[in-house]
């Protein structure tokens, strides 16, 4: 069975939290529903929410906070 993943919609910089002084949107082991925000991608000073398109449990973040990402790059592995 293929892994379920949440991918980056855009190229840019990935952030796990809404601002430096806020907690992360989600942690590994947290449940996620369709539409839940799991991070942000910044492109040219504009921030775009990365939302889950499936339900599950966050198994692992595949990129770190403030990592550069490409469009379509897997960001999160989901479990059942």
Protein backbone atom coordinates (compact mmCIF):
# COMPACT_ATOMS: atom_id res chain seq x y z
CA UNK A 1 0.00 0.00 0.00
CA UNK A 2 1.50 3.39 -0.96
CA UNK A 3 2.28 5.89 1.74
CA UNK A 4 -0.03 8.82 2.20
CA UNK A 5 1.77 12.14 2.07
CA UNK A 6 1.02 15.84 2.20
CA UNK A 7 3.01 17.67 -0.48
CA UNK A 8 4.05 21.27 -0.97
CA UNK A 9 1.72 23.20 -3.29
CA UNK A 10 4.47 25.72 -4.17
CA UNK A 11 8.23 26.19 -4.12
CA UNK A 12 9.48 28.31 -1.24
CA UNK A 13 10.40 28.13 2.44
CA UNK A 14 8.44 25.77 4.72
CA UNK A 15 7.42 26.81 8.23
CA UNK A 16 5.83 24.49 10.82
CA UNK A 17 4.42 27.33 12.96
CA UNK A 18 2.35 30.46 12.21
CA UNK A 19 5.03 32.72 13.77
CA UNK A 20 8.29 32.19 15.67
CA UNK A 21 6.61 32.66 19.06
CA UNK A 22 3.70 30.28 18.35
CA UNK A 23 3.58 26.49 18.74
CA UNK A 24 3.73 24.28 15.61
CA UNK A 25 0.46 23.65 13.77
CA UNK A 26 0.88 19.90 14.28
CA UNK A 27 3.36 17.52 15.89
CA UNK A 28 4.32 14.00 14.93
CA UNK A 29 1.65 11.67 16.32
CA UNK A 30 -1.14 14.28 16.06
CA UNK A 31 -4.28 13.41 14.14
CA UNK A 32 -5.10 15.43 11.05
CA UNK A 33 -8.36 15.89 9.19
CA UNK A 34 -9.03 17.13 5.67
CA UNK A 35 -8.49 20.90 5.65
CA UNK A 36 -6.22 21.03 8.72
CA UNK A 37 -3.21 23.31 8.32
CA UNK A 38 0.13 21.52 8.78
CA UNK A 39 2.46 24.38 7.86
CA UNK A 40 3.12 27.41 5.69
CA UNK A 41 5.10 27.97 2.51
CA UNK A 42 6.56 31.45 2.03
CA UNK A 43 7.03 32.70 -1.51
CA UNK A 44 8.32 36.26 -2.00
CA UNK A 45 7.09 37.42 1.45
CA UNK A 46 3.63 35.88 0.91
CA UNK A 47 2.56 32.98 3.12
CA UNK A 48 0.37 30.11 1.89
CA UNK A 49 -1.18 27.57 4.24
CA UNK A 50 -0.40 23.93 3.53
CA UNK A 51 -3.61 22.02 4.23
CA UNK A 52 -4.13 18.31 4.46
CA UNK A 53 -6.19 16.75 1.68
CA UNK A 54 -6.65 13.51 3.65
CA UNK A 55 -7.21 12.26 7.19
CA UNK A 56 -4.73 10.30 9.27
CA UNK A 57 -2.01 10.65 11.86
CA UNK A 58 1.19 12.56 11.29
CA UNK A 59 3.90 9.94 11.18
CA UNK A 60 6.83 12.19 10.35
CA UNK A 61 7.66 15.61 8.98
CA UNK A 62 9.99 15.01 6.03
CA UNK A 63 11.41 18.55 5.98
CA UNK A 64 12.59 20.81 8.76
CA UNK A 65 11.31 24.20 9.79
CA UNK A 66 12.65 26.89 7.43
CA UNK A 67 13.79 24.33 4.83
CA UNK A 68 13.57 25.23 1.14
CA UNK A 69 10.98 23.08 -0.65
CA UNK A 70 9.87 22.53 -4.24
CA UNK A 71 6.35 22.22 -5.64
CA UNK A 72 5.12 18.65 -5.18
CA UNK A 73 7.80 17.78 -2.62
CA UNK A 74 6.50 15.50 0.18
CA UNK A 75 6.35 17.39 3.47
CA UNK A 76 4.55 14.98 5.80
CA UNK A 77 4.10 11.21 5.97
CA UNK A 78 0.65 10.20 7.23
CA UNK A 79 -0.36 6.97 8.93
CA UNK A 80 -3.80 5.48 9.43
